Structure formats: structure tokens, C-alpha cells
Amino acid sequence: MTAPHADTELDGVVIEFVDEIEGAKMLDQRAREWLNMSGEEFARAFCAGELDIEAPHVGTLYFLLGFAGIECDAGSNTHRGI
């Protein structure tokens, strides 16, 4: 049996598990690169309904919110920290 965060290899596919700290780093890095804002700024703006999910990169960043431990429904932002 492998450790919870170890890579797993199945038929040439590598699955890498990401914890919330790494997820927050990924979100922050991409939000800064793509939208010139921090990951936390993105989370607040997106969850407040200030960003269009169909705008370039916004949908991808929305997907990354979950990796950072952020749950966001229309108009609400619940997270365990970035």
C-alpha cells in the first residue's frame, strides 16, 4: 500500500495527489500569471459574482478552487484558508 500523497501509476498514467497547501499555491500562481491577482483575490471576486466563468482562464481557476480547499457557490465564499 502506498502513502496517501504518493504518486500512483496505472497503465502509464501517473496520478499525483495534491494537498490544499499545494492547491492554494497552484491557484495563486495561475491567478497571478493569468489575471494579475492573487489566488485569494480571485476567490473573493469569483465567489462574489464579479468574474465571468466564460472569460479566458476564469473557468480553469474556478476548477483550481477545489484543490485549494475553497468551496464557492453563487455569491458565497467558504474556504479553509489560502
N, C-alpha and C. Protein backbone atom coordinates (compact mmCIF):
# COMPACT_ATOMS: atom_id res chain seq x y z
N MET A 1 0.84 -1.18 0.00
CA MET A 1 0.00 0.00 0.00
C MET A 1 0.89 1.24 0.00
N THR A 2 0.45 2.28 -0.70
CA THR A 2 1.26 3.49 -0.80
C THR A 2 0.77 4.56 0.17
N ALA A 3 1.62 5.54 0.40
CA ALA A 3 1.26 6.67 1.25
C ALA A 3 0.16 7.50 0.59
N PRO A 4 -0.66 8.20 1.36
CA PRO A 4 -1.79 8.95 0.79
C PRO A 4 -1.41 9.96 -0.29
N HIS A 5 -0.22 10.54 -0.22
CA HIS A 5 0.17 11.56 -1.19
C HIS A 5 1.21 11.06 -2.19
N ALA A 6 1.38 9.78 -2.27
CA ALA A 6 2.35 9.22 -3.22
C ALA A 6 1.76 9.17 -4.62
N ASP A 7 2.62 9.23 -5.61
CA ASP A 7 2.17 9.08 -6.99
C ASP A 7 1.78 7.62 -7.23
N THR A 8 0.76 7.41 -8.03
CA THR A 8 0.30 6.08 -8.38
C THR A 8 0.37 5.93 -9.88
N GLU A 9 0.85 4.80 -10.37
CA GLU A 9 0.99 4.59 -11.81
C GLU A 9 0.08 3.46 -12.26
N LEU A 10 -0.80 3.74 -13.21
CA LEU A 10 -1.72 2.77 -13.78
C LEU A 10 -1.64 2.86 -15.30
N ASP A 11 -1.21 1.82 -15.96
CA ASP A 11 -1.15 1.79 -17.42
C ASP A 11 -0.49 3.02 -18.01
N GLY A 12 0.59 3.47 -17.42
CA GLY A 12 1.32 4.62 -17.96
C GLY A 12 0.77 5.97 -17.53
N VAL A 13 -0.31 5.99 -16.78
CA VAL A 13 -0.89 7.24 -16.30
C VAL A 13 -0.41 7.46 -14.88
N VAL A 14 0.10 8.64 -14.60
CA VAL A 14 0.57 8.97 -13.26
C VAL A 14 -0.45 9.90 -12.61
N ILE A 15 -0.92 9.52 -11.45
CA ILE A 15 -1.86 10.33 -10.69
C ILE A 15 -1.10 10.95 -9.54
N GLU A 16 -1.11 12.26 -9.46
CA GLU A 16 -0.42 12.95 -8.38
C GLU A 16 -1.46 13.58 -7.46
N PHE A 17 -1.39 13.27 -6.19
CA PHE A 17 -2.30 13.82 -5.21
C PHE A 17 -1.76 15.16 -4.72
N VAL A 18 -2.65 16.14 -4.61
CA VAL A 18 -2.27 17.49 -4.22
C VAL A 18 -3.02 17.84 -2.93
N ASP A 19 -2.29 18.29 -1.92
CA ASP A 19 -2.97 18.73 -0.70
C ASP A 19 -3.42 20.19 -0.87
N GLU A 20 -4.16 20.70 0.11
CA GLU A 20 -4.71 22.05 -0.01
C GLU A 20 -3.64 23.13 -0.06
N ILE A 21 -2.52 22.91 0.59
CA ILE A 21 -1.44 23.89 0.55
C ILE A 21 -0.88 24.00 -0.86
N GLU A 22 -0.60 22.85 -1.47
CA GLU A 22 -0.12 22.85 -2.86
C GLU A 22 -1.19 23.40 -3.80
N GLY A 23 -2.45 23.04 -3.56
CA GLY A 23 -3.55 23.54 -4.38
C GLY A 23 -3.65 25.05 -4.32
N ALA A 24 -3.48 25.61 -3.13
CA ALA A 24 -3.52 27.07 -2.96
C ALA A 24 -2.36 27.72 -3.70
N LYS A 25 -1.19 27.09 -3.67
CA LYS A 25 -0.04 27.62 -4.40
C LYS A 25 -0.29 27.60 -5.90
N MET A 26 -0.89 26.50 -6.39
CA MET A 26 -1.20 26.41 -7.83
C MET A 26 -2.20 27.49 -8.22
N LEU A 27 -3.25 27.66 -7.43
CA LEU A 27 -4.26 28.68 -7.70
C LEU A 27 -3.62 30.06 -7.71
N ASP A 28 -2.82 30.36 -6.71
CA ASP A 28 -2.19 31.68 -6.61
C ASP A 28 -1.27 31.95 -7.79
N GLN A 29 -0.46 30.95 -8.14
CA GLN A 29 0.48 31.12 -9.25
C GLN A 29 -0.26 31.40 -10.56
N ARG A 30 -1.28 30.62 -10.85
CA ARG A 30 -2.02 30.79 -12.11
C ARG A 30 -2.83 32.08 -12.11
N ALA A 31 -3.46 32.43 -10.98
CA ALA A 31 -4.24 33.67 -10.92
C ALA A 31 -3.33 34.87 -11.16
N ARG A 32 -2.14 34.84 -10.58
CA ARG A 32 -1.18 35.94 -10.79
C ARG A 32 -0.73 35.99 -12.25
N GLU A 33 -0.45 34.82 -12.82
CA GLU A 33 0.02 34.74 -14.20
C GLU A 33 -1.06 35.18 -15.19
N TRP A 34 -2.28 34.69 -15.00
CA TRP A 34 -3.33 34.90 -15.99
C TRP A 34 -4.17 36.15 -15.76
N LEU A 35 -4.41 36.53 -14.50
CA LEU A 35 -5.32 37.65 -14.22
C LEU A 35 -4.69 38.77 -13.40
N ASN A 36 -3.40 38.66 -13.11
CA ASN A 36 -2.70 39.68 -12.32
C ASN A 36 -3.36 39.95 -10.97
N MET A 37 -3.82 38.88 -10.33
CA MET A 37 -4.37 38.98 -8.97
C MET A 37 -3.96 37.74 -8.20
N SER A 38 -3.99 37.82 -6.89
CA SER A 38 -3.63 36.66 -6.08
C SER A 38 -4.74 35.62 -6.14
N GLY A 39 -4.44 34.43 -5.69
CA GLY A 39 -5.45 33.39 -5.62
C GLY A 39 -6.58 33.76 -4.68
N GLU A 40 -6.23 34.39 -3.56
CA GLU A 40 -7.25 34.82 -2.60
C GLU A 40 -8.13 35.92 -3.19
N GLU A 41 -7.52 36.85 -3.92
CA GLU A 41 -8.30 37.90 -4.60
C GLU A 41 -9.24 37.29 -5.63
N PHE A 42 -8.73 36.30 -6.37
CA PHE A 42 -9.57 35.62 -7.36
C PHE A 42 -10.76 34.95 -6.67
N ALA A 43 -10.50 34.22 -5.59
CA ALA A 43 -11.57 33.51 -4.88
C ALA A 43 -12.65 34.47 -4.41
N ARG A 44 -12.23 35.59 -3.81
CA ARG A 44 -13.21 36.58 -3.33
C ARG A 44 -14.03 37.14 -4.49
N ALA A 45 -13.34 37.54 -5.56
CA ALA A 45 -14.03 38.16 -6.71
C ALA A 45 -14.96 37.16 -7.40
N PHE A 46 -14.48 35.93 -7.60
CA PHE A 46 -15.29 34.94 -8.30
C PHE A 46 -16.52 34.58 -7.47
N CYS A 47 -16.32 34.32 -6.20
CA CYS A 47 -17.43 33.91 -5.34
C CYS A 47 -18.42 35.03 -5.10
N ALA A 48 -17.99 36.27 -5.28
CA ALA A 48 -18.89 37.42 -5.16
C ALA A 48 -19.64 37.68 -6.46
N GLY A 49 -19.34 36.89 -7.49
CA GLY A 49 -20.02 37.05 -8.77
C GLY A 49 -19.46 38.16 -9.63
N GLU A 50 -18.24 38.60 -9.33
CA GLU A 50 -17.63 39.70 -10.06
C GLU A 50 -16.89 39.26 -11.32
N LEU A 51 -16.70 37.95 -11.52
CA LEU A 51 -15.97 37.44 -12.68
C LEU A 51 -16.86 36.51 -13.48
N ASP A 52 -16.72 36.56 -14.79
CA ASP A 52 -17.49 35.72 -15.71
C ASP A 52 -16.75 34.40 -15.91
N ILE A 53 -17.41 33.29 -15.61
CA ILE A 53 -16.77 31.98 -15.73
C ILE A 53 -16.36 31.68 -17.17
N GLU A 54 -16.98 32.34 -18.14
CA GLU A 54 -16.64 32.11 -19.54
C GLU A 54 -15.49 32.98 -20.03
N ALA A 55 -15.02 33.90 -19.21
CA ALA A 55 -13.87 34.73 -19.57
C ALA A 55 -12.62 33.85 -19.60
N PRO A 56 -11.63 34.25 -20.43
CA PRO A 56 -10.40 33.44 -20.51
C PRO A 56 -9.80 33.16 -19.12
N HIS A 57 -9.49 31.91 -18.88
CA HIS A 57 -8.81 31.41 -17.68
C HIS A 57 -9.68 31.34 -16.42
N VAL A 58 -10.81 32.03 -16.38
CA VAL A 58 -11.62 32.05 -15.16
C VAL A 58 -12.17 30.67 -14.84
N GLY A 59 -12.63 29.94 -15.84
CA GLY A 59 -13.15 28.59 -15.61
C GLY A 59 -12.09 27.65 -15.07
N THR A 60 -10.88 27.75 -15.61
CA THR A 60 -9.79 26.91 -15.13
C THR A 60 -9.44 27.26 -13.68
N LEU A 61 -9.40 28.54 -13.37
CA LEU A 61 -9.11 28.95 -12.00
C LEU A 61 -10.23 28.52 -11.05
N TYR A 62 -11.47 28.56 -11.52
CA TYR A 62 -12.59 28.07 -10.71
C TYR A 62 -12.37 26.60 -10.34
N PHE A 63 -11.92 25.82 -11.31
CA PHE A 63 -11.63 24.40 -11.07
C PHE A 63 -10.56 24.25 -9.99
N LEU A 64 -9.57 25.13 -9.98
CA LEU A 64 -8.49 25.04 -9.00
C LEU A 64 -8.92 25.42 -7.59
N LEU A 65 -10.04 26.13 -7.46
CA LEU A 65 -10.51 26.49 -6.12
C LEU A 65 -10.68 25.25 -5.24
N GLY A 66 -11.21 24.18 -5.81
CA GLY A 66 -11.42 22.95 -5.05
C GLY A 66 -10.12 22.35 -4.54
N PHE A 67 -9.06 22.44 -5.34
CA PHE A 67 -7.76 21.93 -4.91
C PHE A 67 -7.20 22.74 -3.74
N ALA A 68 -7.62 24.00 -3.65
CA ALA A 68 -7.16 24.87 -2.57
C ALA A 68 -8.07 24.78 -1.34
N GLY A 69 -9.08 23.92 -1.39
CA GLY A 69 -9.99 23.76 -0.26
C GLY A 69 -11.04 24.85 -0.17
N ILE A 70 -11.31 25.51 -1.29
CA ILE A 70 -12.28 26.60 -1.31
C ILE A 70 -13.56 26.12 -1.97
N GLU A 71 -14.66 26.27 -1.27
CA GLU A 71 -15.97 25.93 -1.82
C GLU A 71 -16.68 27.23 -2.13
N CYS A 72 -17.20 27.32 -3.34
CA CYS A 72 -17.79 28.57 -3.77
C CYS A 72 -19.10 28.30 -4.50
N ASP A 73 -20.19 28.77 -3.93
CA ASP A 73 -21.47 28.76 -4.61
C ASP A 73 -21.76 30.21 -4.98
N ALA A 74 -22.70 30.41 -5.88
CA ALA A 74 -23.00 31.76 -6.35
C ALA A 74 -23.15 32.71 -5.16
N GLY A 75 -22.24 33.67 -5.10
CA GLY A 75 -22.33 34.70 -4.08
C GLY A 75 -21.79 34.34 -2.71
N SER A 76 -21.22 33.14 -2.54
CA SER A 76 -20.66 32.80 -1.23
C SER A 76 -19.26 32.24 -1.38
N ASN A 77 -18.44 32.48 -0.41
CA ASN A 77 -17.06 32.00 -0.42
C ASN A 77 -16.77 31.36 0.93
N THR A 78 -16.66 30.04 0.94
CA THR A 78 -16.32 29.31 2.15
C THR A 78 -14.98 28.64 1.91
N HIS A 79 -13.97 28.99 2.67
CA HIS A 79 -12.68 28.32 2.47
C HIS A 79 -11.98 28.12 3.79
N ARG A 80 -11.06 27.19 3.76
CA ARG A 80 -10.30 26.83 4.95
C ARG A 80 -8.93 27.50 4.91
N GLY A 81 -8.80 28.55 4.11
CA GLY A 81 -7.56 29.31 4.09
C GLY A 81 -6.75 29.14 2.84
N ILE A 82 -6.16 30.20 2.41
CA ILE A 82 -5.21 30.18 1.28
C ILE A 82 -3.89 30.59 1.86
